[in-house]
């Protein structure tokens, strides 16, 4: 019985380590994405500023809309990436792990109950055999 408990603890530790690693990788990817966004947005807006000052504003008016749309859409993507990396993933993963652990514990309880029932049946059969003999 102790070996079974040790194996369960080892599996739980392994599952937790895998989950921690996934969370760390997701968060690292978010920070990389955020860094690329900041650098790219800075370059885009610097280019727009330089082009706007180099040419007449009428010629670069459409460029402002493109830069603005690109920045806003990418910012929305960054916000969703943040939510996935720091809010949604962790809570959903924790719920799933909790659900799986409860299911495993329930199955172990059922196994223990069945073993106990088998033992009781075996004991009662032995007692009946002794009484007949």
N, C-alpha and C. Protein backbone atom coordinates (compact mmCIF):
# COMPACT_ATOMS: atom_id res chain seq x y z
N UNK A 1 0.83 -1.19 0.00
CA UNK A 1 0.00 0.00 0.00
C UNK A 1 0.88 1.25 0.00
N UNK A 2 1.99 1.21 0.69
CA UNK A 2 2.89 2.37 0.74
C UNK A 2 3.51 2.63 -0.63
N UNK A 3 3.82 1.55 -1.38
CA UNK A 3 4.39 1.72 -2.71
C UNK A 3 3.41 2.46 -3.61
N UNK A 4 2.13 2.11 -3.49
CA UNK A 4 1.10 2.76 -4.29
C UNK A 4 1.02 4.25 -3.97
N UNK A 5 1.11 4.60 -2.69
CA UNK A 5 1.07 6.01 -2.26
C UNK A 5 2.29 6.76 -2.78
N UNK A 6 3.45 6.13 -2.71
CA UNK A 6 4.67 6.76 -3.22
C UNK A 6 4.58 7.01 -4.72
N UNK A 7 4.03 6.06 -5.44
CA UNK A 7 3.88 6.21 -6.88
C UNK A 7 2.91 7.35 -7.19
N UNK A 8 1.81 7.43 -6.41
CA UNK A 8 0.85 8.50 -6.62
C UNK A 8 1.48 9.86 -6.36
N UNK A 9 2.29 9.96 -5.31
CA UNK A 9 2.96 11.22 -5.00
C UNK A 9 3.92 11.60 -6.13
N UNK A 10 4.63 10.59 -6.64
CA UNK A 10 5.59 10.85 -7.72
C UNK A 10 4.86 11.31 -8.99
N UNK A 11 3.73 10.68 -9.29
CA UNK A 11 2.94 11.08 -10.46
C UNK A 11 2.41 12.49 -10.27
N UNK A 12 1.92 12.80 -9.06
CA UNK A 12 1.40 14.14 -8.78
C UNK A 12 2.50 15.18 -8.94
N UNK A 13 3.69 14.87 -8.43
CA UNK A 13 4.81 15.81 -8.56
C UNK A 13 5.18 16.00 -10.03
N UNK A 14 5.16 14.91 -10.80
CA UNK A 14 5.49 15.01 -12.21
C UNK A 14 4.45 15.85 -12.94
N UNK A 15 3.16 15.62 -12.64
CA UNK A 15 2.10 16.40 -13.27
C UNK A 15 2.25 17.88 -12.92
N UNK A 16 2.56 18.16 -11.67
CA UNK A 16 2.73 19.56 -11.25
C UNK A 16 3.92 20.20 -11.94
N UNK A 17 5.01 19.45 -12.08
CA UNK A 17 6.20 19.97 -12.76
C UNK A 17 5.90 20.28 -14.23
N UNK A 18 5.16 19.39 -14.88
CA UNK A 18 4.78 19.61 -16.28
C UNK A 18 3.92 20.86 -16.38
N UNK A 19 2.96 21.01 -15.46
CA UNK A 19 2.07 22.18 -15.48
C UNK A 19 2.86 23.47 -15.22
N UNK A 20 3.78 23.42 -14.28
CA UNK A 20 4.60 24.60 -13.97
C UNK A 20 5.45 24.99 -15.18
N UNK A 21 6.01 24.00 -15.84
CA UNK A 21 6.83 24.26 -17.03
C UNK A 21 6.00 24.88 -18.15
N UNK A 22 4.79 24.34 -18.36
CA UNK A 22 3.91 24.90 -19.40
C UNK A 22 3.55 26.35 -19.08
N UNK A 23 3.23 26.61 -17.82
CA UNK A 23 2.87 27.97 -17.41
C UNK A 23 4.04 28.91 -17.62
N UNK A 24 5.23 28.49 -17.24
CA UNK A 24 6.42 29.33 -17.41
C UNK A 24 6.68 29.61 -18.89
N UNK A 25 6.54 28.60 -19.73
CA UNK A 25 6.75 28.79 -21.17
C UNK A 25 5.72 29.74 -21.76
N UNK A 26 4.48 29.63 -21.33
CA UNK A 26 3.42 30.51 -21.83
C UNK A 26 3.69 31.95 -21.43
N UNK A 27 4.11 32.15 -20.19
CA UNK A 27 4.39 33.51 -19.72
C UNK A 27 5.61 34.10 -20.41
N UNK A 28 6.63 33.27 -20.63
CA UNK A 28 7.82 33.74 -21.33
C UNK A 28 7.48 34.15 -22.75
N UNK A 29 6.62 33.35 -23.40
CA UNK A 29 6.18 33.67 -24.77
C UNK A 29 5.42 35.00 -24.78
N UNK A 30 4.62 35.25 -23.74
CA UNK A 30 3.90 36.52 -23.68
C UNK A 30 4.87 37.69 -23.61
N UNK A 31 5.89 37.59 -22.77
CA UNK A 31 6.84 38.70 -22.63
C UNK A 31 7.64 38.92 -23.92
N UNK A 32 7.94 37.84 -24.63
CA UNK A 32 8.61 37.97 -25.93
C UNK A 32 7.67 38.69 -26.91
N UNK A 33 6.41 38.28 -26.93
CA UNK A 33 5.41 38.91 -27.80
C UNK A 33 5.25 40.39 -27.46
N UNK A 34 5.20 40.70 -26.18
CA UNK A 34 5.07 42.10 -25.75
C UNK A 34 6.28 42.93 -26.18
N UNK A 35 7.47 42.36 -26.03
CA UNK A 35 8.69 43.08 -26.44
C UNK A 35 8.70 43.35 -27.94
N UNK A 36 8.31 42.35 -28.72
CA UNK A 36 8.27 42.53 -30.17
C UNK A 36 7.23 43.59 -30.53
N UNK A 37 6.08 43.57 -29.85
CA UNK A 37 5.04 44.57 -30.10
C UNK A 37 5.55 45.98 -29.82
N UNK A 38 6.19 46.16 -28.68
CA UNK A 38 6.67 47.50 -28.31
C UNK A 38 7.69 48.01 -29.32
N UNK A 39 8.65 47.16 -29.68
CA UNK A 39 9.67 47.57 -30.66
C UNK A 39 9.06 47.85 -32.03
N UNK A 40 8.18 46.97 -32.47
CA UNK A 40 7.56 47.15 -33.79
C UNK A 40 6.68 48.39 -33.83
N UNK A 41 5.88 48.58 -32.78
CA UNK A 41 5.01 49.76 -32.74
C UNK A 41 5.84 51.04 -32.73
N UNK A 42 6.93 51.03 -31.99
CA UNK A 42 7.80 52.21 -31.97
C UNK A 42 8.36 52.50 -33.36
N UNK A 43 8.80 51.45 -34.04
CA UNK A 43 9.35 51.64 -35.40
C UNK A 43 8.26 52.14 -36.36
N UNK A 44 7.08 51.53 -36.26
CA UNK A 44 5.98 51.94 -37.15
C UNK A 44 5.63 53.41 -36.94
N UNK A 45 5.51 53.84 -35.69
CA UNK A 45 5.11 55.22 -35.42
C UNK A 45 6.23 56.22 -35.72
N UNK A 46 7.47 55.80 -35.53
CA UNK A 46 8.60 56.68 -35.91
C UNK A 46 8.61 56.86 -37.43
N UNK A 47 8.41 55.75 -38.16
CA UNK A 47 8.36 55.85 -39.62
C UNK A 47 7.20 56.74 -40.07
N UNK A 48 6.04 56.58 -39.44
CA UNK A 48 4.90 57.43 -39.79
C UNK A 48 5.24 58.90 -39.54
N UNK A 49 5.84 59.19 -38.39
CA UNK A 49 6.20 60.57 -38.05
C UNK A 49 7.17 61.15 -39.07
N UNK A 50 8.20 60.36 -39.40
CA UNK A 50 9.19 60.84 -40.37
C UNK A 50 8.57 61.05 -41.75
N UNK A 51 7.74 60.11 -42.19
CA UNK A 51 7.09 60.25 -43.49
C UNK A 51 6.08 61.39 -43.49
N UNK A 52 5.40 61.57 -42.40
CA UNK A 52 4.41 62.65 -42.30
C UNK A 52 5.09 64.01 -42.38
N UNK A 53 6.28 64.13 -41.78
CA UNK A 53 7.01 65.40 -41.83
C UNK A 53 7.76 65.58 -43.15
N UNK A 54 8.12 64.50 -43.81
CA UNK A 54 8.85 64.60 -45.06
C UNK A 54 7.92 64.94 -46.23
N UNK A 55 6.68 64.47 -46.19
CA UNK A 55 5.73 64.71 -47.27
C UNK A 55 4.56 65.51 -46.73
N UNK A 56 3.72 65.90 -47.63
CA UNK A 56 2.52 66.63 -47.21
C UNK A 56 1.60 65.68 -46.44
N UNK A 57 0.93 66.18 -45.41
CA UNK A 57 0.03 65.32 -44.62
C UNK A 57 -1.09 64.68 -45.44
N UNK A 58 -1.48 65.30 -46.54
CA UNK A 58 -2.53 64.71 -47.37
C UNK A 58 -2.08 63.39 -47.98
N UNK A 59 -0.78 63.30 -48.26
CA UNK A 59 -0.26 62.08 -48.89
C UNK A 59 -0.09 60.95 -47.87
N UNK A 60 0.06 61.29 -46.61
CA UNK A 60 0.30 60.26 -45.59
C UNK A 60 -0.91 60.06 -44.67
N UNK A 61 -2.07 60.62 -45.02
CA UNK A 61 -3.27 60.48 -44.19
C UNK A 61 -3.72 59.03 -44.08
N UNK A 62 -3.65 58.30 -45.18
CA UNK A 62 -4.02 56.88 -45.17
C UNK A 62 -3.06 56.06 -44.33
N UNK A 63 -1.81 56.49 -44.32
CA UNK A 63 -0.80 55.78 -43.54
C UNK A 63 -1.10 55.86 -42.04
N UNK A 64 -1.66 56.99 -41.62
CA UNK A 64 -2.04 57.14 -40.20
C UNK A 64 -3.09 56.09 -39.82
N UNK A 65 -4.07 55.91 -40.69
CA UNK A 65 -5.12 54.94 -40.42
C UNK A 65 -4.56 53.51 -40.38
N UNK A 66 -3.64 53.22 -41.27
CA UNK A 66 -3.02 51.90 -41.30
C UNK A 66 -2.23 51.66 -40.02
N UNK A 67 -1.43 52.64 -39.63
CA UNK A 67 -0.63 52.51 -38.41
C UNK A 67 -1.52 52.36 -37.17
N UNK A 68 -2.57 53.14 -37.13
CA UNK A 68 -3.50 53.09 -36.00
C UNK A 68 -4.21 51.74 -35.93
N UNK A 69 -4.72 51.27 -37.06
CA UNK A 69 -5.41 49.96 -37.09
C UNK A 69 -4.46 48.83 -36.72
N UNK A 70 -3.27 48.86 -37.29
CA UNK A 70 -2.28 47.83 -36.99
C UNK A 70 -1.94 47.82 -35.50
N UNK A 71 -1.72 48.98 -34.93
CA UNK A 71 -1.37 49.07 -33.51
C UNK A 71 -2.51 48.60 -32.62
N UNK A 72 -3.73 49.01 -32.94
CA UNK A 72 -4.88 48.62 -32.12
C UNK A 72 -5.17 47.13 -32.20
N UNK A 73 -5.11 46.57 -33.40
CA UNK A 73 -5.35 45.13 -33.54
C UNK A 73 -4.29 44.32 -32.81
N UNK A 74 -3.04 44.75 -32.94
CA UNK A 74 -1.97 44.03 -32.27
C UNK A 74 -2.09 44.19 -30.75
N UNK A 75 -2.51 45.36 -30.29
CA UNK A 75 -2.72 45.58 -28.85
C UNK A 75 -3.82 44.66 -28.32
N UNK A 76 -4.87 44.47 -29.09
CA UNK A 76 -5.93 43.54 -28.68
C UNK A 76 -5.37 42.12 -28.58
N UNK A 77 -4.54 41.74 -29.55
CA UNK A 77 -3.91 40.41 -29.49
C UNK A 77 -3.02 40.28 -28.25
N UNK A 78 -2.31 41.33 -27.90
CA UNK A 78 -1.45 41.33 -26.71
C UNK A 78 -2.31 41.16 -25.45
N UNK A 79 -3.43 41.85 -25.40
CA UNK A 79 -4.32 41.74 -24.23
C UNK A 79 -4.82 40.31 -24.08
N UNK A 80 -5.25 39.70 -25.18
CA UNK A 80 -5.71 38.31 -25.10
C UNK A 80 -4.57 37.37 -24.73
N UNK A 81 -3.39 37.62 -25.25
CA UNK A 81 -2.23 36.80 -24.90
C UNK A 81 -1.94 36.91 -23.40
N UNK A 82 -2.05 38.11 -22.86
CA UNK A 82 -1.87 38.31 -21.41
C UNK A 82 -2.90 37.50 -20.62
N UNK A 83 -4.16 37.61 -21.03
CA UNK A 83 -5.21 36.88 -20.33
C UNK A 83 -4.98 35.38 -20.37
N UNK A 84 -4.56 34.88 -21.51
CA UNK A 84 -4.27 33.45 -21.63
C UNK A 84 -3.09 33.05 -20.77
N UNK A 85 -2.05 33.87 -20.76
CA UNK A 85 -0.82 33.51 -20.04
C UNK A 85 -0.96 33.64 -18.53
N UNK A 86 -1.71 34.63 -18.06
CA UNK A 86 -1.72 34.90 -16.64
C UNK A 86 -3.05 34.66 -15.94
N UNK A 87 -4.14 34.67 -16.65
CA UNK A 87 -5.45 34.55 -16.00
C UNK A 87 -6.16 33.25 -16.34
N UNK A 88 -6.50 33.07 -17.61
CA UNK A 88 -7.36 31.96 -18.00
C UNK A 88 -6.67 30.61 -17.91
N UNK A 89 -5.48 30.49 -18.41
CA UNK A 89 -4.80 29.19 -18.46
C UNK A 89 -4.61 28.61 -17.07
N UNK A 90 -4.15 29.42 -16.15
CA UNK A 90 -3.85 28.91 -14.82
C UNK A 90 -5.12 28.40 -14.13
N UNK A 91 -6.18 29.14 -14.20
CA UNK A 91 -7.39 28.73 -13.50
C UNK A 91 -8.01 27.51 -14.15
N UNK A 92 -8.03 27.46 -15.48
CA UNK A 92 -8.59 26.30 -16.15
C UNK A 92 -7.75 25.06 -15.89
N UNK A 93 -6.45 25.21 -15.92
CA UNK A 93 -5.56 24.08 -15.66
C UNK A 93 -5.72 23.59 -14.22
N UNK A 94 -5.80 24.52 -13.29
CA UNK A 94 -5.98 24.13 -11.89
C UNK A 94 -7.30 23.40 -11.70
N UNK A 95 -8.36 23.88 -12.34
CA UNK A 95 -9.66 23.21 -12.24
C UNK A 95 -9.58 21.79 -12.80
N UNK A 96 -8.92 21.66 -13.93
CA UNK A 96 -8.81 20.34 -14.56
C UNK A 96 -7.99 19.39 -13.70
N UNK A 97 -6.88 19.87 -13.17
CA UNK A 97 -6.05 19.04 -12.29
C UNK A 97 -6.84 18.63 -11.06
N UNK A 98 -7.58 19.56 -10.49
CA UNK A 98 -8.39 19.27 -9.32
C UNK A 98 -9.45 18.21 -9.64
N UNK A 99 -10.10 18.36 -10.79
CA UNK A 99 -11.11 17.40 -11.20
C UNK A 99 -10.50 16.01 -11.38
N UNK A 100 -9.33 15.95 -12.01
CA UNK A 100 -8.68 14.66 -12.23
C UNK A 100 -8.25 14.02 -10.91
N UNK A 101 -7.76 14.83 -9.99
CA UNK A 101 -7.37 14.30 -8.68
C UNK A 101 -8.58 13.77 -7.91
N UNK A 102 -9.70 14.48 -7.98
CA UNK A 102 -10.91 14.01 -7.30
C UNK A 102 -11.37 12.69 -7.90
N UNK A 103 -11.33 12.59 -9.23
CA UNK A 103 -11.72 11.36 -9.90
C UNK A 103 -10.80 10.21 -9.48
N UNK A 104 -9.50 10.48 -9.43
CA UNK A 104 -8.54 9.45 -9.02
C UNK A 104 -8.79 9.03 -7.57
N UNK A 105 -9.02 9.99 -6.69
CA UNK A 105 -9.28 9.67 -5.28
C UNK A 105 -10.56 8.85 -5.13
N UNK A 106 -11.58 9.20 -5.92
CA UNK A 106 -12.83 8.45 -5.87
C UNK A 106 -12.61 7.00 -6.32
N UNK A 107 -11.83 6.82 -7.39
CA UNK A 107 -11.53 5.48 -7.87
C UNK A 107 -10.75 4.68 -6.83
N UNK A 108 -9.81 5.33 -6.17
CA UNK A 108 -9.04 4.65 -5.12
C UNK A 108 -9.94 4.24 -3.96
N UNK A 109 -10.88 5.09 -3.59
CA UNK A 109 -11.83 4.75 -2.53
C UNK A 109 -12.69 3.56 -2.93
N UNK A 110 -13.14 3.55 -4.19
CA UNK A 110 -13.93 2.42 -4.67
C UNK A 110 -13.12 1.13 -4.64
N UNK A 111 -11.86 1.22 -5.01
CA UNK A 111 -10.99 0.04 -4.98
C UNK A 111 -10.82 -0.44 -3.54
N UNK A 112 -10.60 0.47 -2.62
CA UNK A 112 -10.45 0.08 -1.21
C UNK A 112 -11.74 -0.57 -0.69
N UNK A 113 -12.88 0.00 -1.05
CA UNK A 113 -14.16 -0.57 -0.60
C UNK A 113 -14.36 -1.97 -1.17
N UNK A 114 -14.01 -2.15 -2.44
CA UNK A 114 -14.14 -3.47 -3.06
C UNK A 114 -13.20 -4.48 -2.40
N UNK A 115 -11.99 -4.07 -2.11
CA UNK A 115 -11.04 -4.96 -1.43
C UNK A 115 -11.57 -5.35 -0.06
N UNK A 116 -12.12 -4.38 0.64
CA UNK A 116 -12.68 -4.65 1.96
C UNK A 116 -13.87 -5.60 1.86
N UNK A 117 -14.71 -5.41 0.86
CA UNK A 117 -15.86 -6.28 0.66
C UNK A 117 -15.42 -7.70 0.32
N UNK A 118 -14.41 -7.81 -0.52
CA UNK A 118 -13.86 -9.12 -0.87
C UNK A 118 -13.31 -9.81 0.37
N UNK A 119 -12.60 -9.04 1.19
CA UNK A 119 -12.04 -9.61 2.42
C UNK A 119 -13.14 -10.08 3.36
N UNK A 120 -14.19 -9.28 3.49
CA UNK A 120 -15.32 -9.66 4.35
C UNK A 120 -16.01 -10.92 3.82
N UNK A 121 -16.19 -10.98 2.51
CA UNK A 121 -16.80 -12.18 1.92
C UNK A 121 -15.94 -13.41 2.14
N UNK A 122 -14.64 -13.24 1.98
CA UNK A 122 -13.72 -14.36 2.20
C UNK A 122 -13.77 -14.81 3.67
N UNK A 123 -13.83 -13.84 4.59
CA UNK A 123 -13.90 -14.17 6.01
C UNK A 123 -15.20 -14.91 6.33
N UNK A 124 -16.32 -14.42 5.75
CA UNK A 124 -17.61 -15.08 6.04
C UNK A 124 -17.63 -16.49 5.44
N UNK A 125 -17.03 -16.68 4.27
CA UNK A 125 -16.95 -18.02 3.68
C UNK A 125 -16.11 -18.94 4.56
N UNK A 126 -15.01 -18.41 5.08
CA UNK A 126 -14.16 -19.21 5.96
C UNK A 126 -14.91 -19.60 7.23
N UNK A 127 -15.69 -18.68 7.77
CA UNK A 127 -16.47 -18.96 8.99
C UNK A 127 -17.54 -20.01 8.70
N UNK A 128 -18.21 -19.91 7.56
CA UNK A 128 -19.23 -20.91 7.19
C UNK A 128 -18.59 -22.26 7.01
N UNK A 129 -17.42 -22.28 6.39
CA UNK A 129 -16.70 -23.55 6.19
C UNK A 129 -16.30 -24.17 7.51
N UNK A 130 -15.90 -23.34 8.47
CA UNK A 130 -15.50 -23.83 9.80
C UNK A 130 -16.72 -24.35 10.54
N UNK A 131 -17.86 -23.66 10.41
CA UNK A 131 -19.08 -24.06 11.11
C UNK A 131 -19.60 -25.39 10.56
N UNK A 132 -19.47 -25.63 9.28
CA UNK A 132 -19.95 -26.88 8.68
C UNK A 132 -19.03 -28.03 9.05
N UNK A 133 -17.76 -27.72 9.25
CA UNK A 133 -16.80 -28.78 9.55
C UNK A 133 -16.78 -29.17 10.98
